[in-house]
Amino acid sequence: MTDSGAHKLGGCTHPTMKGMYINRHNQATRLIAECLHNGRHRGGLMIMDAGKTDNLPQYCHGTHIPGWMLPHLTKEEISCLRPDILFIPTLALWKTKNRHYRGPQDKKQHVAYIIEVGYTGELQHTEKQNMEQHAKLKEELTKAGWTVCYNDAQIVTLGSTGTLPKSLTPMLCQLGVHPEQAIRTSQNIHQQTVDMAGTIIHTRRVMENTNK
């Protein structure tokens, strides 16, 4: 039995397909992170949960939020709070690399931007889920003294065939990216998604033919 296109592009639970969905998500997340890094706030603290720690670019602090950002929580509690990207433009990454670093004294002056990336065919439903998913993170960061920005613009919901949200380019520009670079990144995400859609559908067809 064959599945619908929507199922193939995002709903199949087969390990091979799930791995491809994760890879697609990680590629898009990395394109956004790289774009932010190359913007006006180059060198700001960035945490990115897209791939293994060993494979992260040097401009990323890590895949997990460091303990000094949420000192009132346990390591286990923090490990459950994993945004795709957490970006603090005004906090220098190099300072946070020191193992004795305990965070800035004036946390409220540093805005922490939470960015979530996802692929779906049900845009509004997923946006609602993601807002709820990181409401806890926003609450805990605020409790720890940080200023947090997390709204609809930071939920980057991508269509599995390449559709992009209109808010993507303005959001990147708001975070210090030159408009031309923001547009180019959006185009790269679109093309990468289209390419991955072709690869995913081809792989699924091969699997279907093998199981006949």
N, C-alpha and C. Protein backbone atom coordinates (compact mmCIF):
# COMPACT_ATOMS: atom_id res chain seq x y z
N MET A 1 0.85 -1.20 0.00
CA MET A 1 0.00 0.00 0.00
C MET A 1 0.88 1.25 0.00
N THR A 2 0.51 2.19 -0.88
CA THR A 2 1.26 3.44 -0.93
C THR A 2 0.60 4.49 -0.04
N ASP A 3 1.38 5.49 0.37
CA ASP A 3 0.88 6.54 1.24
C ASP A 3 0.72 7.84 0.48
N SER A 4 0.00 8.78 1.07
CA SER A 4 -0.17 10.09 0.46
C SER A 4 1.15 10.85 0.47
N GLY A 5 1.21 11.91 -0.39
CA GLY A 5 2.42 12.71 -0.43
C GLY A 5 2.73 13.36 0.90
N ALA A 6 1.70 13.84 1.58
CA ALA A 6 1.90 14.50 2.88
C ALA A 6 2.49 13.53 3.89
N HIS A 7 2.00 12.28 3.86
CA HIS A 7 2.52 11.27 4.79
C HIS A 7 3.98 10.99 4.49
N LYS A 8 4.31 10.85 3.22
CA LYS A 8 5.70 10.56 2.84
C LYS A 8 6.64 11.69 3.26
N LEU A 9 6.17 12.92 3.13
CA LEU A 9 7.04 14.07 3.37
C LEU A 9 7.14 14.49 4.83
N GLY A 10 6.34 13.88 5.70
CA GLY A 10 6.47 14.29 7.09
C GLY A 10 5.82 13.41 8.12
N GLY A 11 5.08 12.39 7.71
CA GLY A 11 4.33 11.61 8.69
C GLY A 11 4.71 10.16 8.82
N CYS A 12 5.65 9.70 8.01
CA CYS A 12 6.03 8.28 8.07
C CYS A 12 6.90 8.01 9.29
N THR A 13 6.62 6.93 9.99
CA THR A 13 7.35 6.61 11.23
C THR A 13 8.49 5.62 11.01
N HIS A 14 8.71 5.20 9.78
CA HIS A 14 9.81 4.27 9.51
C HIS A 14 11.13 4.95 9.88
N PRO A 15 12.05 4.24 10.55
CA PRO A 15 13.31 4.84 11.00
C PRO A 15 14.09 5.56 9.90
N THR A 16 14.11 4.98 8.71
CA THR A 16 14.83 5.63 7.61
C THR A 16 14.22 6.98 7.27
N MET A 17 12.89 7.02 7.21
CA MET A 17 12.20 8.26 6.88
C MET A 17 12.33 9.29 8.00
N LYS A 18 12.21 8.84 9.24
CA LYS A 18 12.35 9.75 10.38
C LYS A 18 13.73 10.38 10.39
N GLY A 19 14.74 9.58 10.03
CA GLY A 19 16.10 10.11 9.96
C GLY A 19 16.23 11.20 8.91
N MET A 20 15.53 11.03 7.79
CA MET A 20 15.57 12.04 6.73
C MET A 20 14.84 13.31 7.15
N TYR A 21 13.75 13.16 7.89
CA TYR A 21 13.03 14.35 8.39
C TYR A 21 13.92 15.14 9.35
N ILE A 22 14.61 14.41 10.22
CA ILE A 22 15.50 15.07 11.18
C ILE A 22 16.62 15.80 10.46
N ASN A 23 17.19 15.15 9.45
CA ASN A 23 18.27 15.76 8.67
C ASN A 23 17.79 17.02 7.97
N ARG A 24 16.59 16.98 7.41
CA ARG A 24 16.01 18.15 6.74
C ARG A 24 15.84 19.30 7.74
N HIS A 25 15.32 18.98 8.90
CA HIS A 25 15.13 19.99 9.95
C HIS A 25 16.46 20.59 10.39
N ASN A 26 17.46 19.73 10.60
CA ASN A 26 18.76 20.21 11.05
C ASN A 26 19.42 21.12 10.01
N GLN A 27 19.28 20.78 8.74
CA GLN A 27 19.86 21.61 7.68
C GLN A 27 19.23 23.00 7.67
N ALA A 28 17.91 23.06 7.78
CA ALA A 28 17.23 24.36 7.79
C ALA A 28 17.62 25.18 9.01
N THR A 29 17.70 24.52 10.16
CA THR A 29 18.08 25.21 11.40
C THR A 29 19.49 25.77 11.29
N ARG A 30 20.39 25.00 10.71
CA ARG A 30 21.78 25.46 10.54
C ARG A 30 21.87 26.65 9.59
N LEU A 31 21.06 26.65 8.54
CA LEU A 31 21.07 27.78 7.61
C LEU A 31 20.63 29.06 8.32
N ILE A 32 19.64 28.96 9.18
CA ILE A 32 19.17 30.12 9.93
C ILE A 32 20.24 30.57 10.93
N ALA A 33 20.85 29.63 11.63
CA ALA A 33 21.89 29.97 12.60
C ALA A 33 23.09 30.62 11.93
N GLU A 34 23.49 30.08 10.79
CA GLU A 34 24.63 30.65 10.06
C GLU A 34 24.32 32.06 9.58
N CYS A 35 23.08 32.27 9.16
CA CYS A 35 22.66 33.60 8.72
C CYS A 35 22.74 34.60 9.87
N LEU A 36 22.27 34.21 11.04
CA LEU A 36 22.34 35.09 12.21
C LEU A 36 23.79 35.38 12.58
N HIS A 37 24.63 34.36 12.51
CA HIS A 37 26.04 34.52 12.85
C HIS A 37 26.73 35.51 11.91
N ASN A 38 26.33 35.52 10.65
CA ASN A 38 26.96 36.40 9.67
C ASN A 38 26.33 37.79 9.63
N GLY A 39 25.40 38.04 10.51
CA GLY A 39 24.74 39.34 10.56
C GLY A 39 25.48 40.34 11.43
N ARG A 40 24.80 41.39 11.79
CA ARG A 40 25.40 42.49 12.56
C ARG A 40 25.83 42.04 13.95
N HIS A 41 25.19 40.99 14.48
CA HIS A 41 25.49 40.55 15.84
C HIS A 41 26.40 39.33 15.85
N ARG A 42 27.27 39.25 14.89
CA ARG A 42 28.24 38.16 14.80
C ARG A 42 29.01 38.05 16.12
N GLY A 43 29.10 36.84 16.65
CA GLY A 43 29.83 36.65 17.89
C GLY A 43 28.95 36.60 19.12
N GLY A 44 27.62 36.76 18.93
CA GLY A 44 26.70 36.66 20.06
C GLY A 44 26.52 35.21 20.48
N LEU A 45 26.05 35.01 21.69
CA LEU A 45 25.85 33.66 22.21
C LEU A 45 24.76 32.95 21.42
N MET A 46 25.10 31.77 20.90
CA MET A 46 24.12 30.98 20.18
C MET A 46 24.17 29.53 20.64
N ILE A 47 22.99 29.01 20.95
CA ILE A 47 22.83 27.59 21.30
C ILE A 47 21.96 26.99 20.21
N MET A 48 22.38 25.86 19.65
CA MET A 48 21.63 25.27 18.54
C MET A 48 21.49 23.77 18.74
N ASP A 49 20.25 23.32 18.78
CA ASP A 49 19.97 21.89 18.94
C ASP A 49 19.66 21.29 17.58
N ALA A 50 20.71 21.13 16.78
CA ALA A 50 20.55 20.58 15.43
C ALA A 50 21.77 19.74 15.09
N GLY A 51 21.74 18.49 15.52
CA GLY A 51 22.88 17.62 15.29
C GLY A 51 23.67 17.34 16.56
N LYS A 52 24.75 16.59 16.40
CA LYS A 52 25.58 16.23 17.53
C LYS A 52 26.50 17.39 17.93
N THR A 53 26.84 17.43 19.20
CA THR A 53 27.70 18.50 19.72
C THR A 53 29.02 18.57 18.98
N ASP A 54 29.60 17.41 18.66
CA ASP A 54 30.91 17.37 17.99
C ASP A 54 30.86 17.99 16.59
N ASN A 55 29.68 18.04 16.00
CA ASN A 55 29.56 18.56 14.63
C ASN A 55 29.06 20.00 14.56
N LEU A 56 28.93 20.64 15.70
CA LEU A 56 28.44 22.02 15.71
C LEU A 56 29.52 22.98 15.19
N PRO A 57 29.11 24.05 14.52
CA PRO A 57 30.07 25.08 14.10
C PRO A 57 30.64 25.80 15.32
N GLN A 58 31.78 26.43 15.15
CA GLN A 58 32.47 27.06 16.28
C GLN A 58 31.69 28.22 16.88
N TYR A 59 30.78 28.80 16.11
CA TYR A 59 30.03 29.94 16.64
C TYR A 59 28.89 29.53 17.56
N CYS A 60 28.73 28.23 17.80
CA CYS A 60 27.69 27.75 18.71
C CYS A 60 28.30 27.35 20.05
N HIS A 61 27.63 27.71 21.12
CA HIS A 61 28.07 27.34 22.47
C HIS A 61 27.88 25.86 22.72
N GLY A 62 26.81 25.30 22.20
CA GLY A 62 26.50 23.88 22.40
C GLY A 62 25.07 23.60 21.98
N THR A 63 24.60 22.39 22.30
CA THR A 63 23.23 22.01 21.95
C THR A 63 22.27 22.21 23.12
N HIS A 64 22.80 22.39 24.32
CA HIS A 64 21.97 22.54 25.51
C HIS A 64 22.18 23.91 26.16
N ILE A 65 21.16 24.39 26.82
CA ILE A 65 21.27 25.64 27.57
C ILE A 65 22.21 25.43 28.75
N PRO A 66 23.23 26.28 28.91
CA PRO A 66 24.17 26.11 30.02
C PRO A 66 23.52 26.36 31.37
N GLY A 67 24.01 25.69 32.38
CA GLY A 67 23.43 25.79 33.71
C GLY A 67 23.42 27.18 34.29
N TRP A 68 24.43 28.01 33.95
CA TRP A 68 24.49 29.36 34.53
C TRP A 68 23.35 30.26 34.04
N MET A 69 22.69 29.85 32.96
CA MET A 69 21.55 30.65 32.50
C MET A 69 20.30 30.40 33.32
N LEU A 70 20.19 29.18 33.86
CA LEU A 70 19.02 28.80 34.67
C LEU A 70 19.51 28.14 35.96
N PRO A 71 20.17 28.90 36.83
CA PRO A 71 20.78 28.33 38.03
C PRO A 71 19.79 27.75 39.03
N HIS A 72 18.51 28.11 38.90
CA HIS A 72 17.50 27.62 39.84
C HIS A 72 16.95 26.25 39.43
N LEU A 73 17.38 25.74 38.28
CA LEU A 73 16.91 24.43 37.81
C LEU A 73 18.02 23.40 37.87
N THR A 74 17.63 22.13 37.96
CA THR A 74 18.61 21.05 37.95
C THR A 74 19.06 20.78 36.52
N LYS A 75 20.13 20.03 36.38
CA LYS A 75 20.64 19.68 35.05
C LYS A 75 19.59 18.90 34.27
N GLU A 76 18.88 18.02 34.96
CA GLU A 76 17.85 17.21 34.30
C GLU A 76 16.69 18.08 33.82
N GLU A 77 16.31 19.06 34.62
CA GLU A 77 15.22 19.95 34.23
C GLU A 77 15.61 20.80 33.02
N ILE A 78 16.85 21.27 33.02
CA ILE A 78 17.32 22.08 31.90
C ILE A 78 17.38 21.26 30.62
N SER A 79 17.74 19.99 30.73
CA SER A 79 17.88 19.13 29.55
C SER A 79 16.56 18.94 28.81
N CYS A 80 15.45 19.20 29.49
CA CYS A 80 14.12 19.07 28.86
C CYS A 80 13.73 20.34 28.11
N LEU A 81 14.48 21.41 28.30
CA LEU A 81 14.19 22.70 27.66
C LEU A 81 15.17 22.89 26.51
N ARG A 82 14.78 22.47 25.31
CA ARG A 82 15.72 22.44 24.19
C ARG A 82 15.16 23.14 22.95
N PRO A 83 15.34 24.44 22.86
CA PRO A 83 14.92 25.15 21.65
C PRO A 83 15.86 24.82 20.50
N ASP A 84 15.38 24.97 19.27
CA ASP A 84 16.26 24.75 18.13
C ASP A 84 17.39 25.76 18.13
N ILE A 85 17.05 27.02 18.38
CA ILE A 85 18.06 28.07 18.48
C ILE A 85 17.71 29.00 19.64
N LEU A 86 18.70 29.30 20.45
CA LEU A 86 18.58 30.35 21.47
C LEU A 86 19.70 31.33 21.17
N PHE A 87 19.34 32.57 20.89
CA PHE A 87 20.32 33.56 20.44
C PHE A 87 20.24 34.80 21.32
N ILE A 88 21.40 35.16 21.90
CA ILE A 88 21.50 36.38 22.70
C ILE A 88 22.54 37.26 22.03
N PRO A 89 22.13 38.17 21.16
CA PRO A 89 23.06 38.96 20.35
C PRO A 89 24.05 39.79 21.15
N THR A 90 23.64 40.29 22.31
CA THR A 90 24.47 41.22 23.08
C THR A 90 25.39 40.54 24.08
N LEU A 91 25.38 39.21 24.11
CA LEU A 91 26.24 38.48 25.04
C LEU A 91 27.33 37.77 24.23
N ALA A 92 28.58 38.18 24.42
CA ALA A 92 29.68 37.66 23.61
C ALA A 92 29.93 36.18 23.88
N LEU A 93 29.97 35.40 22.81
CA LEU A 93 30.19 33.96 22.93
C LEU A 93 31.51 33.64 23.62
N TRP A 94 32.57 34.39 23.29
CA TRP A 94 33.89 34.07 23.82
C TRP A 94 33.92 34.15 25.35
N LYS A 95 33.13 35.05 25.92
CA LYS A 95 33.08 35.16 27.38
C LYS A 95 32.50 33.90 28.00
N THR A 96 31.50 33.32 27.35
CA THR A 96 30.80 32.17 27.91
C THR A 96 31.60 30.88 27.79
N LYS A 97 32.69 30.91 27.02
CA LYS A 97 33.50 29.71 26.84
C LYS A 97 34.34 29.40 28.08
N ASN A 98 34.53 30.40 28.92
CA ASN A 98 35.28 30.21 30.17
C ASN A 98 34.47 29.33 31.12
N ARG A 99 35.06 28.24 31.59
CA ARG A 99 34.30 27.30 32.43
C ARG A 99 33.91 27.90 33.78
N HIS A 100 34.51 29.02 34.15
CA HIS A 100 34.16 29.68 35.41
C HIS A 100 33.10 30.76 35.21
N TYR A 101 32.65 30.94 33.98
CA TYR A 101 31.68 32.00 33.69
C TYR A 101 30.35 31.70 34.37
N ARG A 102 29.75 32.73 34.95
CA ARG A 102 28.49 32.56 35.68
C ARG A 102 27.38 33.48 35.16
N GLY A 103 27.61 34.09 34.00
CA GLY A 103 26.58 34.93 33.41
C GLY A 103 26.76 36.40 33.75
N PRO A 104 26.11 37.28 32.99
CA PRO A 104 26.23 38.72 33.23
C PRO A 104 25.42 39.14 34.45
N GLN A 105 25.81 40.25 35.03
CA GLN A 105 25.08 40.77 36.19
C GLN A 105 23.76 41.41 35.77
N ASP A 106 23.76 42.01 34.58
CA ASP A 106 22.59 42.75 34.10
C ASP A 106 21.80 41.91 33.09
N LYS A 107 21.27 40.79 33.51
CA LYS A 107 20.60 39.87 32.59
C LYS A 107 19.43 40.51 31.85
N LYS A 108 18.71 41.39 32.52
CA LYS A 108 17.53 41.99 31.89
C LYS A 108 17.88 42.82 30.66
N GLN A 109 19.13 43.26 30.57
CA GLN A 109 19.54 44.06 29.42
C GLN A 109 19.89 43.19 28.21
N HIS A 110 19.89 41.89 28.39
CA HIS A 110 20.22 40.96 27.30
C HIS A 110 18.95 40.22 26.88
N VAL A 111 18.55 40.40 25.63
CA VAL A 111 17.34 39.75 25.12
C VAL A 111 17.69 38.37 24.57
N ALA A 112 17.02 37.35 25.08
CA ALA A 112 17.20 35.98 24.60
C ALA A 112 16.09 35.66 23.60
N TYR A 113 16.48 35.39 22.37
CA TYR A 113 15.52 35.07 21.31
C TYR A 113 15.41 33.56 21.16
N ILE A 114 14.21 33.04 21.31
CA ILE A 114 13.96 31.61 21.11
C ILE A 114 13.43 31.42 19.70
N ILE A 115 14.08 30.56 18.93
CA ILE A 115 13.66 30.29 17.55
C ILE A 115 13.41 28.80 17.39
N GLU A 116 12.24 28.47 16.88
CA GLU A 116 11.86 27.07 16.67
C GLU A 116 11.61 26.84 15.18
N VAL A 117 12.14 25.75 14.65
CA VAL A 117 12.02 25.42 13.23
C VAL A 117 11.25 24.12 13.08
N GLY A 118 10.31 24.08 12.15
CA GLY A 118 9.55 22.84 11.97
C GLY A 118 8.98 22.73 10.58
N TYR A 119 8.72 21.49 10.17
CA TYR A 119 8.08 21.22 8.89
C TYR A 119 6.71 20.61 9.13
N THR A 120 5.72 21.08 8.41
CA THR A 120 4.38 20.54 8.59
C THR A 120 3.47 20.93 7.45
N GLY A 121 2.31 20.28 7.41
CA GLY A 121 1.28 20.66 6.46
C GLY A 121 0.14 21.36 7.16
N GLU A 122 0.15 21.30 8.49
CA GLU A 122 -0.89 21.95 9.30
C GLU A 122 -0.23 23.09 10.07
N LEU A 123 -0.07 24.22 9.39
CA LEU A 123 0.74 25.31 9.92
C LEU A 123 0.26 25.84 11.26
N GLN A 124 -1.02 26.19 11.37
CA GLN A 124 -1.52 26.81 12.60
C GLN A 124 -1.45 25.85 13.77
N HIS A 125 -1.78 24.60 13.54
CA HIS A 125 -1.76 23.62 14.63
C HIS A 125 -0.35 23.47 15.18
N THR A 126 0.64 23.38 14.31
CA THR A 126 2.02 23.20 14.77
C THR A 126 2.54 24.45 15.46
N GLU A 127 2.18 25.62 14.95
CA GLU A 127 2.61 26.85 15.60
C GLU A 127 2.09 26.91 17.03
N LYS A 128 0.85 26.50 17.22
CA LYS A 128 0.25 26.48 18.56
C LYS A 128 1.01 25.50 19.45
N GLN A 129 1.35 24.33 18.91
CA GLN A 129 2.09 23.34 19.69
C GLN A 129 3.45 23.87 20.11
N ASN A 130 4.16 24.52 19.18
CA ASN A 130 5.49 25.02 19.49
C ASN A 130 5.44 26.15 20.50
N MET A 131 4.44 27.01 20.42
CA MET A 131 4.30 28.08 21.40
C MET A 131 4.13 27.50 22.79
N GLU A 132 3.31 26.47 22.89
CA GLU A 132 3.08 25.82 24.18
C GLU A 132 4.34 25.08 24.65
N GLN A 133 5.06 24.49 23.69
CA GLN A 133 6.25 23.71 24.02
C GLN A 133 7.30 24.55 24.73
N HIS A 134 7.49 25.80 24.28
CA HIS A 134 8.54 26.63 24.85
C HIS A 134 8.03 27.72 25.79
N ALA A 135 6.75 27.66 26.11
CA ALA A 135 6.22 28.60 27.11
C ALA A 135 6.94 28.38 28.44
N LYS A 136 7.23 27.13 28.76
CA LYS A 136 7.94 26.80 30.00
C LYS A 136 9.35 27.38 29.98
N LEU A 137 10.04 27.26 28.86
CA LEU A 137 11.39 27.80 28.75
C LEU A 137 11.37 29.32 28.92
N LYS A 138 10.43 29.98 28.28
CA LYS A 138 10.31 31.44 28.42
C LYS A 138 10.06 31.81 29.87
N GLU A 139 9.19 31.05 30.51
CA GLU A 139 8.86 31.31 31.92
C GLU A 139 10.09 31.17 32.80
N GLU A 140 10.88 30.11 32.59
CA GLU A 140 12.05 29.87 33.44
C GLU A 140 13.16 30.89 33.18
N LEU A 141 13.36 31.27 31.91
CA LEU A 141 14.37 32.28 31.60
C LEU A 141 13.99 33.62 32.22
N THR A 142 12.72 33.96 32.15
CA THR A 142 12.24 35.21 32.75
C THR A 142 12.43 35.17 34.27
N LYS A 143 12.13 34.02 34.84
CA LYS A 143 12.28 33.85 36.29
C LYS A 143 13.75 34.03 36.71
N ALA A 144 14.67 33.62 35.82
CA ALA A 144 16.10 33.73 36.11
C ALA A 144 16.63 35.15 35.88
N GLY A 145 15.77 36.03 35.35
CA GLY A 145 16.18 37.42 35.19
C GLY A 145 16.44 37.88 33.77
N TRP A 146 16.29 36.97 32.79
CA TRP A 146 16.54 37.33 31.39
C TRP A 146 15.32 38.00 30.77
N THR A 147 15.56 38.83 29.77
CA THR A 147 14.49 39.35 28.93
C THR A 147 14.34 38.38 27.76
N VAL A 148 13.13 37.93 27.51
CA VAL A 148 12.91 36.88 26.50
C VAL A 148 11.99 37.36 25.40
N CYS A 149 12.34 37.05 24.16
CA CYS A 149 11.49 37.34 23.01
C CYS A 149 11.12 36.01 22.35
N TYR A 150 9.86 35.67 22.41
CA TYR A 150 9.37 34.43 21.78
C TYR A 150 7.93 34.64 21.34
N ASN A 151 7.73 34.81 20.06
CA ASN A 151 6.39 35.03 19.53
C ASN A 151 6.24 34.30 18.19
N ASP A 152 5.15 34.56 17.50
CA ASP A 152 4.87 33.86 16.24
C ASP A 152 5.99 34.00 15.22
N ALA A 153 6.66 35.14 15.21
CA ALA A 153 7.71 35.38 14.22
C ALA A 153 8.90 34.46 14.43
N GLN A 154 9.10 34.01 15.67
CA GLN A 154 10.23 33.13 15.97
C GLN A 154 9.90 31.65 15.75
N ILE A 155 8.66 31.35 15.37
CA ILE A 155 8.29 29.97 15.04
C ILE A 155 8.33 29.86 13.52
N VAL A 156 9.39 29.26 13.02
CA VAL A 156 9.60 29.16 11.57
C VAL A 156 8.98 27.86 11.09
N THR A 157 7.75 27.94 10.60
CA THR A 157 7.03 26.76 10.15
C THR A 157 7.17 26.65 8.64
N LEU A 158 7.88 25.62 8.19
CA LEU A 158 8.20 25.44 6.78
C LEU A 158 7.32 24.36 6.16
N GLY A 159 6.87 24.61 4.94
CA GLY A 159 6.11 23.59 4.23
C GLY A 159 7.05 22.53 3.68
N SER A 160 6.62 21.29 3.68
CA SER A 160 7.49 20.18 3.27
C SER A 160 7.82 20.18 1.78
N THR A 161 7.14 21.04 0.98
CA THR A 161 7.47 21.15 -0.43
C THR A 161 8.17 22.47 -0.75
N GLY A 162 8.52 23.23 0.28
CA GLY A 162 9.31 24.44 0.08
C GLY A 162 8.64 25.75 0.43
N THR A 163 7.39 25.70 0.88
CA THR A 163 6.69 26.94 1.26
C THR A 163 7.35 27.57 2.49
N LEU A 164 7.54 28.88 2.44
CA LEU A 164 8.18 29.60 3.56
C LEU A 164 7.19 30.57 4.19
N PRO A 165 7.28 30.78 5.50
CA PRO A 165 6.42 31.78 6.15
C PRO A 165 6.88 33.19 5.76
N LYS A 166 5.93 34.09 5.58
CA LYS A 166 6.26 35.47 5.20
C LYS A 166 7.08 36.17 6.27
N SER A 167 6.99 35.67 7.49
CA SER A 167 7.67 36.31 8.62
C SER A 167 9.16 35.98 8.70
N LEU A 168 9.65 35.01 7.89
CA LEU A 168 11.03 34.56 8.04
C LEU A 168 12.04 35.66 7.74
N THR A 169 11.95 36.27 6.56
CA THR A 169 12.91 37.30 6.19
C THR A 169 12.88 38.50 7.13
N PRO A 170 11.70 39.05 7.47
CA PRO A 170 11.66 40.17 8.44
C PRO A 170 12.24 39.79 9.80
N MET A 171 12.01 38.55 10.24
CA MET A 171 12.54 38.12 11.53
C MET A 171 14.06 38.12 11.52
N LEU A 172 14.66 37.63 10.42
CA LEU A 172 16.11 37.62 10.31
C LEU A 172 16.66 39.04 10.29
N CYS A 173 15.98 39.93 9.58
CA CYS A 173 16.42 41.33 9.52
C CYS A 173 16.34 41.99 10.89
N GLN A 174 15.31 41.66 11.64
CA GLN A 174 15.15 42.21 12.99
C GLN A 174 16.32 41.82 13.88
N LEU A 175 16.90 40.65 13.60
CA LEU A 175 18.01 40.17 14.41
C LEU A 175 19.37 40.53 13.82
N GLY A 176 19.40 41.57 12.99
CA GLY A 176 20.68 42.11 12.54
C GLY A 176 21.20 41.60 11.22
N VAL A 177 20.39 40.88 10.46
CA VAL A 177 20.83 40.35 9.17
C VAL A 177 20.50 41.35 8.07
N HIS A 178 21.44 41.55 7.15
CA HIS A 178 21.19 42.44 6.01
C HIS A 178 20.07 41.84 5.15
N PRO A 179 19.17 42.68 4.64
CA PRO A 179 18.04 42.17 3.85
C PRO A 179 18.43 41.23 2.72
N GLU A 180 19.50 41.54 2.00
CA GLU A 180 19.92 40.66 0.90
C GLU A 180 20.32 39.29 1.41
N GLN A 181 21.03 39.26 2.54
CA GLN A 181 21.45 37.99 3.13
C GLN A 181 20.24 37.22 3.64
N ALA A 182 19.27 37.93 4.22
CA ALA A 182 18.06 37.28 4.72
C ALA A 182 17.28 36.63 3.58
N ILE A 183 17.16 37.36 2.47
CA ILE A 183 16.45 36.82 1.30
C ILE A 183 17.20 35.62 0.74
N ARG A 184 18.52 35.71 0.67
CA ARG A 184 19.33 34.61 0.14
C ARG A 184 19.19 33.36 1.02
N THR A 185 19.17 33.56 2.33
CA THR A 185 19.01 32.43 3.24
C THR A 185 17.63 31.79 3.06
N SER A 186 16.61 32.61 2.91
CA SER A 186 15.26 32.09 2.67
C SER A 186 15.22 31.26 1.39
N GLN A 187 15.88 31.76 0.36
CA GLN A 187 15.93 31.04 -0.91
C GLN A 187 16.68 29.71 -0.76
N ASN A 188 17.75 29.73 0.03
CA ASN A 188 18.53 28.51 0.25
C ASN A 188 17.71 27.46 1.01
N ILE A 189 16.94 27.92 1.99
CA ILE A 189 16.08 26.99 2.74
C ILE A 189 15.02 26.41 1.82
N HIS A 190 14.44 27.25 0.96
CA HIS A 190 13.44 26.78 0.00
C HIS A 190 14.04 25.70 -0.90
N GLN A 191 15.21 25.98 -1.48
CA GLN A 191 15.82 25.04 -2.41
C GLN A 191 16.21 23.75 -1.71
N GLN A 192 16.75 23.87 -0.51
CA GLN A 192 17.14 22.68 0.25
C GLN A 192 15.92 21.82 0.54
N THR A 193 14.80 22.46 0.86
CA THR A 193 13.57 21.73 1.16
C THR A 193 13.04 21.02 -0.08
N VAL A 194 13.06 21.71 -1.22
CA VAL A 194 12.61 21.11 -2.48
C VAL A 194 13.48 19.90 -2.82
N ASP A 195 14.80 20.06 -2.68
CA ASP A 195 15.72 18.95 -2.97
C ASP A 195 15.45 17.77 -2.05
N MET A 196 15.25 18.06 -0.76
CA MET A 196 14.99 16.99 0.20
C MET A 196 13.65 16.31 -0.07
N ALA A 197 12.66 17.07 -0.53
CA ALA A 197 11.36 16.48 -0.85
C ALA A 197 11.52 15.43 -1.94
N GLY A 198 12.31 15.76 -2.96
CA GLY A 198 12.56 14.80 -4.03
C GLY A 198 13.26 13.56 -3.52
N THR A 199 14.25 13.76 -2.67
CA THR A 199 15.00 12.63 -2.11
C THR A 199 14.12 11.76 -1.23
N ILE A 200 13.29 12.39 -0.41
CA ILE A 200 12.40 11.66 0.50
C ILE A 200 11.40 10.82 -0.29
N ILE A 201 10.77 11.43 -1.30
CA ILE A 201 9.78 10.70 -2.10
C ILE A 201 10.43 9.54 -2.84
N HIS A 202 11.61 9.77 -3.41
CA HIS A 202 12.32 8.70 -4.12
C HIS A 202 12.65 7.55 -3.17
N THR A 203 13.15 7.88 -1.99
CA THR A 203 13.51 6.85 -1.01
C THR A 203 12.29 6.04 -0.60
N ARG A 204 11.18 6.72 -0.38
CA ARG A 204 9.95 6.03 0.01
C ARG A 204 9.45 5.11 -1.09
N ARG A 205 9.54 5.54 -2.34
CA ARG A 205 9.11 4.70 -3.46
C ARG A 205 9.97 3.45 -3.58
N VAL A 206 11.26 3.62 -3.37
CA VAL A 206 12.16 2.46 -3.39
C VAL A 206 11.78 1.47 -2.30
N MET A 207 11.46 1.99 -1.12
CA MET A 207 11.05 1.13 -0.01
C MET A 207 9.74 0.41 -0.33
N GLU A 208 8.80 1.12 -0.95
CA GLU A 208 7.52 0.51 -1.30
C GLU A 208 7.70 -0.61 -2.32
N ASN A 209 8.54 -0.36 -3.33
CA ASN A 209 8.77 -1.36 -4.36
C ASN A 209 9.50 -2.58 -3.81
N THR A 210 10.37 -2.34 -2.84
CA THR A 210 11.12 -3.45 -2.22
C THR A 210 10.19 -4.35 -1.42
N ASN A 211 9.14 -3.75 -0.82
CA ASN A 211 8.23 -4.51 0.03
C ASN A 211 7.08 -5.17 -0.73
N LYS A 212 7.01 -4.94 -2.05
CA LYS A 212 5.92 -5.56 -2.82
C LYS A 212 6.13 -7.06 -2.97
